[in-house]
N, C-alpha and C. Protein backbone atom coordinates (compact mmCIF):
# COMPACT_ATOMS: atom_id res chain seq x y z
N UNK A 1 129.61 237.73 -24.67
CA UNK A 1 130.07 237.69 -25.99
C UNK A 1 130.16 236.74 -26.93
N UNK A 2 129.57 236.21 -27.99
CA UNK A 2 129.64 234.59 -28.71
C UNK A 2 130.64 235.44 -29.97
N UNK A 3 131.47 234.27 -29.91
CA UNK A 3 132.89 234.46 -31.09
C UNK A 3 132.12 233.20 -32.64
N UNK A 4 132.80 233.98 -33.50
CA UNK A 4 132.01 232.62 -34.75
C UNK A 4 133.59 231.91 -35.17
N UNK A 5 133.44 230.80 -35.08
CA UNK A 5 134.31 229.79 -35.80
C UNK A 5 134.63 230.45 -37.62
N UNK A 6 136.28 230.81 -38.29
CA UNK A 6 136.05 231.27 -39.43
C UNK A 6 135.45 229.33 -40.26
N UNK A 7 135.14 229.94 -41.72
CA UNK A 7 135.11 228.64 -42.44
C UNK A 7 136.52 227.80 -42.44
N UNK A 8 135.87 226.46 -43.05
CA UNK A 8 136.91 225.28 -43.09
C UNK A 8 138.13 225.65 -44.68
N UNK A 9 139.20 225.37 -43.41
CA UNK A 9 140.02 225.54 -44.63
C UNK A 9 140.60 223.80 -45.08
N UNK A 10 139.46 223.52 -46.37
CA UNK A 10 140.03 222.18 -46.83
C UNK A 10 141.62 222.05 -47.00
N UNK A 11 142.08 220.45 -46.75
CA UNK A 11 143.43 220.30 -47.00
C UNK A 11 144.22 220.16 -45.51
N UNK A 12 143.41 221.63 -44.63
CA UNK A 12 144.76 221.96 -44.07
C UNK A 12 145.59 220.58 -43.16
N UNK A 13 146.80 220.69 -43.23
CA UNK A 13 147.39 219.76 -42.72
C UNK A 13 147.36 219.47 -41.15
N UNK A 14 146.70 218.56 -40.18
CA UNK A 14 146.76 219.11 -38.59
C UNK A 14 147.73 218.89 -38.05
N UNK A 15 147.54 219.65 -36.71
CA UNK A 15 149.69 219.28 -36.42
C UNK A 15 149.10 218.90 -35.06
N UNK A 16 149.92 217.61 -34.81
CA UNK A 16 150.16 216.73 -33.46
C UNK A 16 150.90 218.13 -32.14
N UNK A 17 150.31 217.19 -31.31
CA UNK A 17 151.24 217.50 -30.15
C UNK A 17 151.29 216.57 -28.58
N UNK A 18 152.01 216.56 -28.03
CA UNK A 18 151.51 215.46 -26.81
C UNK A 18 150.91 216.95 -25.65
N UNK A 19 149.79 216.39 -24.92
CA UNK A 19 149.15 217.18 -23.89
C UNK A 19 148.73 215.79 -22.81
N UNK A 20 148.52 216.54 -21.55
CA UNK A 20 148.14 215.98 -20.51
C UNK A 20 146.63 215.30 -20.76
N UNK A 21 146.44 214.45 -19.89
CA UNK A 21 144.58 214.27 -19.84
C UNK A 21 144.10 213.91 -18.18
N UNK A 22 143.10 214.00 -18.77
CA UNK A 22 142.10 214.29 -16.88
C UNK A 22 142.37 212.93 -16.41
N UNK A 23 142.82 212.11 -17.86
CA UNK A 23 143.20 210.30 -16.83
C UNK A 23 144.58 210.58 -16.27
N UNK A 24 145.40 211.51 -15.86
CA UNK A 24 146.66 211.19 -16.11
C UNK A 24 147.69 210.97 -16.80
N UNK A 25 147.18 210.48 -18.16
CA UNK A 25 148.28 210.29 -18.69
C UNK A 25 148.42 211.73 -19.73
N UNK A 26 149.70 211.02 -20.98
CA UNK A 26 150.41 212.33 -22.05
C UNK A 26 149.15 211.49 -23.01
N UNK A 27 149.06 212.58 -23.98
CA UNK A 27 148.32 211.93 -25.52
C UNK A 27 148.65 212.56 -26.37
N UNK A 28 148.99 211.78 -27.36
CA UNK A 28 149.30 212.37 -28.88
C UNK A 28 147.84 212.65 -29.06
N UNK A 29 147.56 214.00 -29.40
CA UNK A 29 146.18 214.79 -30.21
C UNK A 29 145.45 213.74 -31.39
N UNK A 30 146.37 213.74 -32.77
CA UNK A 30 146.61 212.70 -33.25
C UNK A 30 146.47 211.67 -33.43
N UNK A 31 147.01 210.86 -32.21
CA UNK A 31 146.90 208.75 -31.96
C UNK A 31 145.44 208.56 -31.47
N UNK A 32 144.71 210.16 -31.00
CA UNK A 32 142.95 209.57 -31.17
C UNK A 32 141.78 209.57 -32.24
N UNK A 33 143.17 209.43 -33.72
CA UNK A 33 142.11 209.40 -34.71
C UNK A 33 142.14 208.31 -35.19
N UNK A 34 141.41 207.25 -35.80
CA UNK A 34 141.09 205.99 -36.45
C UNK A 34 141.13 206.07 -37.85
N UNK A 35 140.34 204.92 -38.59
CA UNK A 35 140.64 204.79 -40.26
C UNK A 35 139.87 205.94 -40.22
N UNK A 36 138.80 206.26 -40.37
CA UNK A 36 138.07 207.19 -40.82
C UNK A 36 137.78 209.14 -39.98
N UNK A 37 138.79 209.30 -39.32
CA UNK A 37 139.25 210.12 -38.69
C UNK A 37 139.13 210.50 -37.49
N UNK A 38 139.26 211.87 -37.17
CA UNK A 38 139.20 212.31 -36.16
C UNK A 38 138.39 213.87 -35.54
N UNK A 39 137.40 213.77 -35.04
CA UNK A 39 137.14 215.19 -34.42
C UNK A 39 137.83 215.91 -33.22
N UNK A 40 138.45 216.94 -33.72
CA UNK A 40 139.28 218.06 -32.31
C UNK A 40 138.58 218.82 -32.05
N UNK A 41 138.36 219.16 -31.06
CA UNK A 41 136.95 219.87 -30.05
C UNK A 41 137.51 220.73 -29.25
N UNK A 42 137.52 221.92 -29.54
CA UNK A 42 138.25 222.87 -28.26
C UNK A 42 137.28 223.02 -27.62
N UNK A 43 137.20 223.05 -26.15
CA UNK A 43 135.98 223.14 -25.53
C UNK A 43 136.36 223.70 -23.92
N UNK A 44 135.53 223.82 -22.80
CA UNK A 44 135.99 224.09 -21.62
C UNK A 44 134.59 224.07 -21.34
N UNK A 45 134.90 224.28 -19.39
CA UNK A 45 133.46 223.50 -17.89
C UNK A 45 132.91 224.63 -18.31
N UNK A 46 133.47 225.99 -18.19
CA UNK A 46 132.13 227.16 -18.06
C UNK A 46 131.89 227.96 -18.83
N UNK A 47 131.95 226.87 -20.37
CA UNK A 47 130.94 228.24 -21.06
C UNK A 47 129.98 227.53 -21.52
N UNK A 48 128.72 228.71 -21.14
CA UNK A 48 127.27 227.58 -21.74
C UNK A 48 126.85 227.51 -22.59
N UNK A 49 127.63 227.71 -23.91
CA UNK A 49 127.77 227.03 -25.45
C UNK A 49 128.03 225.56 -25.18
N UNK A 50 128.75 225.24 -24.39
CA UNK A 50 129.15 223.54 -23.87
C UNK A 50 128.57 222.50 -23.06
N UNK A 51 128.16 223.92 -22.34
CA UNK A 51 126.98 223.64 -20.68
C UNK A 51 125.57 222.38 -22.09
N UNK A 52 125.96 223.52 -23.01
CA UNK A 52 124.14 223.46 -23.48
C UNK A 52 124.43 222.17 -23.95
N UNK A 53 125.68 221.53 -24.86
CA UNK A 53 125.37 220.79 -25.64
C UNK A 53 126.72 219.28 -25.59
N UNK A 54 126.51 219.79 -23.88
CA UNK A 54 127.99 218.72 -23.28
C UNK A 54 127.27 216.65 -23.67
N UNK A 55 126.27 216.71 -23.31
CA UNK A 55 125.59 215.66 -23.47
C UNK A 55 125.65 215.04 -25.24
N UNK A 56 125.09 216.23 -25.99
CA UNK A 56 125.84 216.19 -27.47
C UNK A 56 126.12 215.02 -27.80
N UNK A 57 127.91 216.13 -26.99
CA UNK A 57 128.84 215.73 -27.70
C UNK A 57 129.09 214.69 -27.22
N UNK A 58 129.32 213.90 -26.25
CA UNK A 58 129.69 212.56 -25.28
C UNK A 58 129.12 212.26 -26.69
N UNK A 59 127.61 211.58 -26.62
CA UNK A 59 126.31 210.66 -27.11
C UNK A 59 126.84 210.94 -28.94
N UNK A 60 127.56 211.91 -29.33
CA UNK A 60 128.17 211.83 -31.03
C UNK A 60 129.81 211.24 -31.04
N UNK A 61 130.18 211.29 -29.78
CA UNK A 61 131.52 211.02 -30.09
C UNK A 61 131.71 209.85 -29.90
N UNK A 62 130.59 209.28 -29.21
CA UNK A 62 130.30 207.79 -28.81
C UNK A 62 129.37 206.94 -30.35
N UNK A 63 128.97 207.49 -30.45
CA UNK A 63 128.75 206.86 -31.91
C UNK A 63 129.76 207.11 -33.37
N UNK A 64 130.36 208.74 -33.34
CA UNK A 64 131.51 208.33 -34.61
C UNK A 64 132.72 206.97 -34.02
N UNK A 65 132.63 206.40 -33.32
CA UNK A 65 134.09 205.48 -33.02
C UNK A 65 132.76 204.08 -33.81
N UNK A 66 131.70 204.23 -34.14
CA UNK A 66 131.06 203.26 -34.33
C UNK A 66 131.79 203.17 -36.28
N UNK A 67 131.68 204.17 -36.24
CA UNK A 67 132.50 205.14 -37.97
C UNK A 67 133.70 205.31 -37.81
N UNK A 68 134.79 204.63 -37.21
CA UNK A 68 136.39 204.72 -37.46
C UNK A 68 135.87 206.63 -37.34
N UNK A 69 135.96 207.12 -36.40
CA UNK A 69 136.26 208.38 -36.40
C UNK A 69 135.91 208.75 -34.72
N UNK A 70 137.07 208.85 -34.49
CA UNK A 70 137.76 209.40 -32.99
C UNK A 70 137.62 210.56 -32.70
N UNK A 71 137.45 211.01 -31.90
CA UNK A 71 137.40 211.51 -30.72
C UNK A 71 138.00 212.66 -29.53
N UNK A 72 138.69 213.59 -29.54
CA UNK A 72 139.69 214.45 -28.63
C UNK A 72 138.46 215.10 -28.55
N UNK A 73 139.36 215.69 -26.90
CA UNK A 73 139.00 217.34 -26.67
C UNK A 73 139.88 217.85 -25.65
N UNK A 74 140.18 219.51 -25.95
CA UNK A 74 141.13 220.20 -25.33
C UNK A 74 140.30 221.61 -25.41
N UNK A 75 141.03 221.95 -23.96
CA UNK A 75 140.29 223.34 -22.86
C UNK A 75 142.46 223.78 -23.25
N UNK A 76 141.43 225.06 -24.12
CA UNK A 76 142.80 226.13 -24.10
C UNK A 76 142.42 226.93 -23.49
N UNK A 77 141.84 227.20 -22.62
CA UNK A 77 141.67 228.90 -21.32
C UNK A 77 142.64 228.83 -20.97
N UNK A 78 142.39 230.06 -20.03
CA UNK A 78 143.12 230.68 -19.37
C UNK A 78 142.29 230.82 -17.77
N UNK A 79 143.37 229.16 -16.72
CA UNK A 79 143.00 229.06 -15.19
C UNK A 79 143.12 229.42 -14.37
N UNK A 80 143.27 231.39 -14.98
CA UNK A 80 144.06 231.53 -13.36
C UNK A 80 143.09 232.34 -14.00
N UNK A 81 142.48 233.58 -15.24
CA UNK A 81 141.63 234.66 -15.28
C UNK A 81 139.78 233.68 -15.19
N UNK A 82 139.93 232.03 -15.75
CA UNK A 82 139.04 231.82 -15.35
C UNK A 82 138.91 230.25 -14.59
N UNK A 83 138.89 229.93 -12.95
CA UNK A 83 139.33 229.20 -12.39
C UNK A 83 138.43 227.71 -12.68
N UNK A 84 137.11 227.91 -13.08
CA UNK A 84 136.03 226.99 -13.25
C UNK A 84 137.28 226.10 -14.48
N UNK A 85 138.31 226.55 -15.04
CA UNK A 85 138.63 226.07 -15.85
C UNK A 85 139.54 225.28 -15.75
N UNK A 86 139.98 225.13 -14.58
CA UNK A 86 141.24 224.65 -14.33
C UNK A 86 141.34 222.87 -14.63
N UNK A 87 143.03 222.05 -14.68
CA UNK A 87 142.87 221.01 -14.46
C UNK A 87 141.71 219.81 -13.71
N UNK A 88 141.86 220.74 -12.53
CA UNK A 88 141.21 219.67 -11.30
C UNK A 88 139.94 219.61 -11.86
N UNK A 89 139.02 221.17 -12.33
CA UNK A 89 137.85 221.46 -12.67
C UNK A 89 137.57 220.48 -14.05
N UNK A 90 138.68 220.17 -15.00
CA UNK A 90 138.60 219.83 -16.01
C UNK A 90 138.01 218.02 -15.44
N UNK A 91 138.41 217.70 -13.90
CA UNK A 91 138.80 216.22 -14.17
C UNK A 91 137.57 215.87 -13.99
N UNK A 92 136.14 216.74 -12.82
CA UNK A 92 135.03 216.77 -12.69
C UNK A 92 134.68 216.80 -13.36
N UNK A 93 134.73 217.63 -14.85
CA UNK A 93 133.28 218.26 -15.69
C UNK A 93 133.10 216.79 -16.73
N UNK A 94 134.94 215.76 -16.63
CA UNK A 94 134.61 215.42 -17.62
C UNK A 94 134.67 213.32 -16.94
N UNK A 95 134.43 213.53 -15.70
CA UNK A 95 133.82 212.51 -14.85
C UNK A 95 132.52 212.55 -14.57
N UNK A 96 131.55 213.90 -14.46
CA UNK A 96 130.16 214.29 -13.77
C UNK A 96 129.17 213.65 -15.72
N UNK A 97 130.64 214.27 -16.98
CA UNK A 97 129.59 213.81 -17.83
C UNK A 97 129.53 212.66 -18.85
N UNK A 98 130.46 211.79 -18.19
CA UNK A 98 131.21 210.62 -18.58
C UNK A 98 131.71 210.56 -20.21
N UNK A 99 132.74 211.08 -19.93
CA UNK A 99 133.83 211.62 -21.70
C UNK A 99 134.29 210.09 -21.39
N UNK A 100 134.10 209.26 -22.59
CA UNK A 100 134.70 208.71 -23.32
C UNK A 100 135.64 208.55 -24.17
N UNK A 101 136.48 209.91 -24.25
CA UNK A 101 137.52 209.90 -25.24
C UNK A 101 138.49 211.17 -24.23
N UNK A 102 139.86 211.43 -24.47
CA UNK A 102 140.80 212.26 -23.58
C UNK A 102 140.14 213.61 -23.68
N UNK A 103 139.97 214.15 -22.79
CA UNK A 103 140.26 215.23 -22.84
C UNK A 103 141.53 216.40 -21.51
N UNK A 104 141.82 217.03 -22.81
CA UNK A 104 143.65 217.46 -22.49
C UNK A 104 143.42 219.40 -22.33
N UNK A 105 144.32 219.14 -21.71
CA UNK A 105 144.78 220.58 -20.95
C UNK A 105 145.68 220.62 -21.99
N UNK A 106 145.79 222.61 -22.86
CA UNK A 106 146.74 222.96 -23.49
C UNK A 106 146.84 224.35 -22.54
N UNK A 107 147.84 223.95 -21.57
CA UNK A 107 148.14 225.11 -21.07
C UNK A 107 148.73 225.90 -21.41
N UNK A 108 149.85 226.09 -21.75
CA UNK A 108 150.51 227.24 -23.34
C UNK A 108 150.04 227.59 -24.71
N UNK A 109 148.61 227.06 -24.41
CA UNK A 109 147.27 227.29 -26.11
C UNK A 109 148.32 226.97 -27.08
N UNK A 110 149.51 227.30 -26.61
CA UNK A 110 150.48 226.90 -28.03
C UNK A 110 149.31 225.51 -29.70
N UNK A 111 148.20 224.89 -28.87
CA UNK A 111 147.70 224.24 -29.55
C UNK A 111 146.50 224.99 -30.31
N UNK A 112 145.83 225.08 -29.12
CA UNK A 112 144.63 226.45 -29.63
C UNK A 112 145.38 227.20 -31.46
N UNK A 113 146.41 228.11 -31.07
CA UNK A 113 146.73 228.96 -31.68
C UNK A 113 147.42 228.46 -32.85
N UNK A 114 147.86 227.58 -32.82
CA UNK A 114 147.99 226.72 -34.44
C UNK A 114 147.08 226.12 -34.39
N UNK A 115 145.63 225.94 -33.99
CA UNK A 115 144.90 225.14 -35.41
C UNK A 115 143.97 226.02 -35.76
N UNK A 116 143.86 227.57 -34.92
CA UNK A 116 143.48 228.77 -34.78
C UNK A 116 142.01 229.17 -34.60
N UNK A 117 142.04 228.09 -33.35
CA UNK A 117 140.41 227.93 -32.74
C UNK A 117 140.26 229.52 -31.91
N UNK A 118 139.07 229.29 -32.15
CA UNK A 118 138.29 230.89 -31.70
C UNK A 118 137.88 231.02 -30.46
N UNK A 119 136.62 229.88 -30.36
CA UNK A 119 135.75 230.06 -30.13
C UNK A 119 135.70 228.13 -29.14
N UNK A 120 134.42 228.26 -27.71
CA UNK A 120 134.04 227.14 -27.05
C UNK A 120 132.31 226.79 -27.25
N UNK A 121 132.36 225.86 -27.83
CA UNK A 121 133.02 225.32 -28.70
C UNK A 121 133.29 225.04 -30.66
N UNK A 122 134.95 224.65 -30.42
CA UNK A 122 135.22 224.78 -31.58
C UNK A 122 135.53 223.91 -32.28
N UNK A 123 134.93 222.78 -33.53
CA UNK A 123 135.21 221.42 -34.18
C UNK A 123 136.31 221.51 -35.15
N UNK A 124 137.68 220.80 -34.96
CA UNK A 124 137.83 220.46 -36.32
C UNK A 124 137.36 219.07 -36.94
N UNK A 125 137.13 218.67 -38.14
CA UNK A 125 136.86 217.68 -38.28
C UNK A 125 137.93 216.87 -39.38
N UNK A 126 138.66 216.20 -38.96
CA UNK A 126 139.91 215.28 -39.72
C UNK A 126 139.78 214.34 -40.22
N UNK A 127 139.76 213.96 -41.39
CA UNK A 127 139.65 212.81 -42.36
C UNK A 127 141.04 211.69 -42.01
N UNK A 128 140.94 210.71 -42.32
CA UNK A 128 141.91 209.28 -41.93
C UNK A 128 143.60 209.70 -42.17
N UNK A 129 143.63 210.59 -43.09
CA UNK A 129 144.73 211.12 -43.29
C UNK A 129 145.22 212.76 -42.62
N UNK A 130 144.23 213.19 -41.80
CA UNK A 130 144.25 214.34 -40.35
C UNK A 130 144.66 215.42 -41.51
N UNK A 131 143.99 215.81 -42.14
CA UNK A 131 143.31 216.68 -42.85
C UNK A 131 141.93 217.51 -42.58
N UNK A 132 142.16 218.45 -42.16
CA UNK A 132 140.67 219.45 -42.21
C UNK A 132 139.77 219.15 -43.77
N UNK A 133 138.01 219.03 -42.89
CA UNK A 133 137.55 218.40 -43.57
C UNK A 133 135.80 218.89 -43.22
N UNK A 134 135.90 219.75 -41.99
CA UNK A 134 134.82 220.22 -42.04
C UNK A 134 135.19 220.94 -40.22
N UNK A 135 134.90 222.40 -40.59
CA UNK A 135 134.78 223.32 -39.36
C UNK A 135 133.77 224.11 -39.15
N UNK A 136 132.76 223.02 -38.33
CA UNK A 136 130.93 223.66 -38.12
C UNK A 136 130.75 223.11 -36.72
N UNK A 137 129.42 223.60 -36.77
CA UNK A 137 129.30 223.79 -35.62
C UNK A 137 128.73 222.06 -34.79
N UNK A 138 128.19 221.95 -34.42
CA UNK A 138 127.38 220.68 -33.26
C UNK A 138 126.50 220.56 -33.85
N UNK A 139 125.24 221.15 -33.96
CA UNK A 139 124.00 221.32 -34.36
C UNK A 139 123.63 222.72 -34.41
N UNK A 140 122.40 222.86 -34.46
CA UNK A 140 121.53 224.15 -35.04
C UNK A 140 121.06 225.07 -33.00
N UNK A 141 121.22 223.97 -32.01
CA UNK A 141 120.41 224.27 -31.07
C UNK A 141 121.86 225.34 -30.12
N UNK A 142 122.82 225.43 -30.40
CA UNK A 142 123.61 227.09 -29.81
C UNK A 142 123.57 227.07 -28.12
N UNK A 143 123.37 227.78 -27.37
CA UNK A 143 123.20 227.98 -25.84
C UNK A 143 121.28 226.80 -25.01
N UNK A 144 121.11 226.64 -26.43
CA UNK A 144 119.44 226.04 -25.96
C UNK A 144 119.41 224.71 -26.07
N UNK A 145 118.84 224.08 -25.21
CA UNK A 145 118.34 222.10 -25.69
C UNK A 145 117.85 222.67 -27.15
N UNK A 146 118.85 221.25 -27.72
CA UNK A 146 118.19 221.20 -29.20
C UNK A 146 117.05 220.42 -29.03
N UNK A 147 115.84 220.47 -30.02
CA UNK A 147 114.92 220.23 -29.87
C UNK A 147 114.81 218.62 -30.37
N UNK A 148 113.81 217.40 -30.41
CA UNK A 148 113.99 216.53 -30.76
C UNK A 148 114.30 216.64 -32.43
N UNK A 149 114.63 215.68 -33.25
CA UNK A 149 115.32 215.89 -34.73
C UNK A 149 116.12 216.36 -34.61
N UNK A 150 116.65 217.18 -34.41
CA UNK A 150 117.29 218.37 -34.80
C UNK A 150 118.48 217.48 -35.51
N UNK A 151 118.90 218.31 -36.45
CA UNK A 151 119.83 217.80 -37.83
C UNK A 151 121.34 218.14 -37.15
N UNK A 152 122.23 216.73 -37.05
CA UNK A 152 123.49 216.89 -36.34
C UNK A 152 124.35 217.04 -37.32
N UNK A 153 124.83 218.41 -37.02
CA UNK A 153 125.57 218.95 -38.68
C UNK A 153 127.44 217.99 -38.16
N UNK A 154 127.45 217.73 -37.32
CA UNK A 154 128.76 217.68 -37.09
C UNK A 154 129.17 215.59 -37.19
N UNK A 155 128.09 215.21 -36.56
CA UNK A 155 127.74 213.85 -36.69
C UNK A 155 127.95 213.44 -38.36
N UNK A 156 126.51 214.13 -39.07
CA UNK A 156 126.76 213.63 -40.38
C UNK A 156 127.70 213.65 -41.06
N UNK A 157 128.40 215.06 -41.19
CA UNK A 157 129.01 215.96 -41.55
C UNK A 157 130.46 214.33 -41.51
N UNK A 158 130.90 214.24 -40.68
CA UNK A 158 132.04 212.57 -40.07
C UNK A 158 131.67 211.82 -40.72
N UNK A 159 130.33 211.62 -40.55
CA UNK A 159 130.29 210.12 -41.04
C UNK A 159 130.64 209.99 -42.67
N UNK A 160 130.09 210.74 -43.45
CA UNK A 160 130.41 211.28 -45.11
C UNK A 160 132.26 211.23 -44.46
N UNK A 161 132.78 212.20 -43.75
CA UNK A 161 134.19 212.04 -44.07
C UNK A 161 134.53 210.49 -44.14
N UNK A 162 134.31 209.91 -42.73
CA UNK A 162 134.45 208.53 -42.91
C UNK A 162 134.52 207.80 -44.03
N UNK A 163 133.66 207.93 -44.46
CA UNK A 163 133.38 206.89 -46.03
C UNK A 163 134.23 207.70 -47.41
N UNK A 164 134.27 208.88 -47.48
CA UNK A 164 134.62 209.50 -48.78
C UNK A 164 136.17 210.17 -48.20
N UNK A 165 136.08 210.76 -46.98
CA UNK A 165 137.51 211.43 -47.00
C UNK A 165 137.34 213.14 -47.57
N UNK A 166 136.21 213.26 -47.07
CA UNK A 166 136.37 214.70 -47.94
C UNK A 166 134.09 215.24 -47.01
N UNK A 167 134.83 216.58 -46.43
CA UNK A 167 133.45 216.92 -46.26
C UNK A 167 132.59 218.27 -46.70
N UNK A 168 131.63 217.53 -46.52
CA UNK A 168 130.51 218.56 -46.97
C UNK A 168 130.85 220.36 -47.51
N UNK A 169 130.30 220.71 -48.35
CA UNK A 169 131.41 222.07 -49.14
C UNK A 169 130.06 223.40 -48.19
N UNK A 170 128.91 222.99 -48.09
CA UNK A 170 128.24 224.17 -47.70
C UNK A 170 128.24 223.53 -45.93
N UNK A 171 128.85 224.23 -45.26
CA UNK A 171 129.24 224.18 -43.53
C UNK A 171 128.81 225.56 -42.92
N UNK A 172 127.97 225.50 -41.67
CA UNK A 172 127.61 226.39 -40.74
C UNK A 172 128.39 226.22 -39.54
N UNK A 173 129.36 227.98 -39.57
CA UNK A 173 130.27 227.68 -38.07
C UNK A 173 129.91 227.17 -36.51
N UNK A 174 131.01 227.59 -36.00
CA UNK A 174 130.45 227.01 -35.13
C UNK A 174 130.03 228.33 -34.23
N UNK A 175 129.27 228.64 -33.02
CA UNK A 175 129.88 229.56 -31.80
C UNK A 175 129.74 229.31 -30.94
N UNK A 176 129.97 229.50 -30.14
CA UNK A 176 130.77 229.96 -28.98
C UNK A 176 130.80 230.97 -28.12
N UNK A 177 131.86 231.01 -27.22
CA UNK A 177 132.27 232.06 -26.33
C UNK A 177 133.52 231.88 -26.25
N UNK A 178 134.14 233.04 -26.57
CA UNK A 178 136.09 233.53 -26.76
C UNK A 178 136.72 232.29 -26.07
N UNK A 179 138.14 231.78 -26.23
CA UNK A 179 138.68 230.99 -26.17
C UNK A 179 139.53 232.47 -24.74
N UNK A 180 139.68 232.14 -23.55
CA UNK A 180 140.58 232.92 -22.50
C UNK A 180 141.74 233.20 -22.53
N UNK A 181 142.60 233.60 -23.05
CA UNK A 181 144.16 234.46 -23.83
C UNK A 181 145.12 234.43 -22.87
N UNK A 182 145.77 234.09 -22.53
CA UNK A 182 146.40 234.73 -21.35
C UNK A 182 147.02 235.50 -21.79
N UNK A 183 147.40 236.73 -20.80
CA UNK A 183 147.65 237.95 -21.51
C UNK A 183 149.24 237.77 -21.56
N UNK A 184 149.70 238.60 -22.98
CA UNK A 184 151.00 239.02 -23.22
C UNK A 184 152.04 239.42 -22.21
N UNK A 185 153.14 239.17 -22.13
CA UNK A 185 153.32 240.35 -20.91
C UNK A 185 154.72 241.29 -21.57
């Protein structure tokens, strides 16, 4: 069942953390930011919503670098209940899809909780001051392949953020699989 991300909390100050990446390095989340901003994307390997758009995520992340916007992806899903989201499978997923950005593991789920992430994919578009300016969808495709000429909501919003420091006031929330939270004991 799909989960829907809440609307953008404009100006929310992003939280930093250091997480392990599939490249064997430790990465500061906000260290991936550039002068124009940063996209923090909560994704996973098994979600049909992510699988449907992963090529466009990789493409848009690469194009956003030309606008001085960095990109980082984080997997917070419980790998015990969803083995396809294990760290080893994250490495394969990133390699298979040619990730040109850090793919990080939030094993204790503290970063996802701090950000208020609810679904995969869930996109947080930050300006150069690491303040939230976009909390919306990648595009209108959802779980299907996108049609040619589909409006690139995330890309267009982040280009505007890079130019002005502010995101569009009209945003359509992302929808996807709910984050697979660990059961509390």
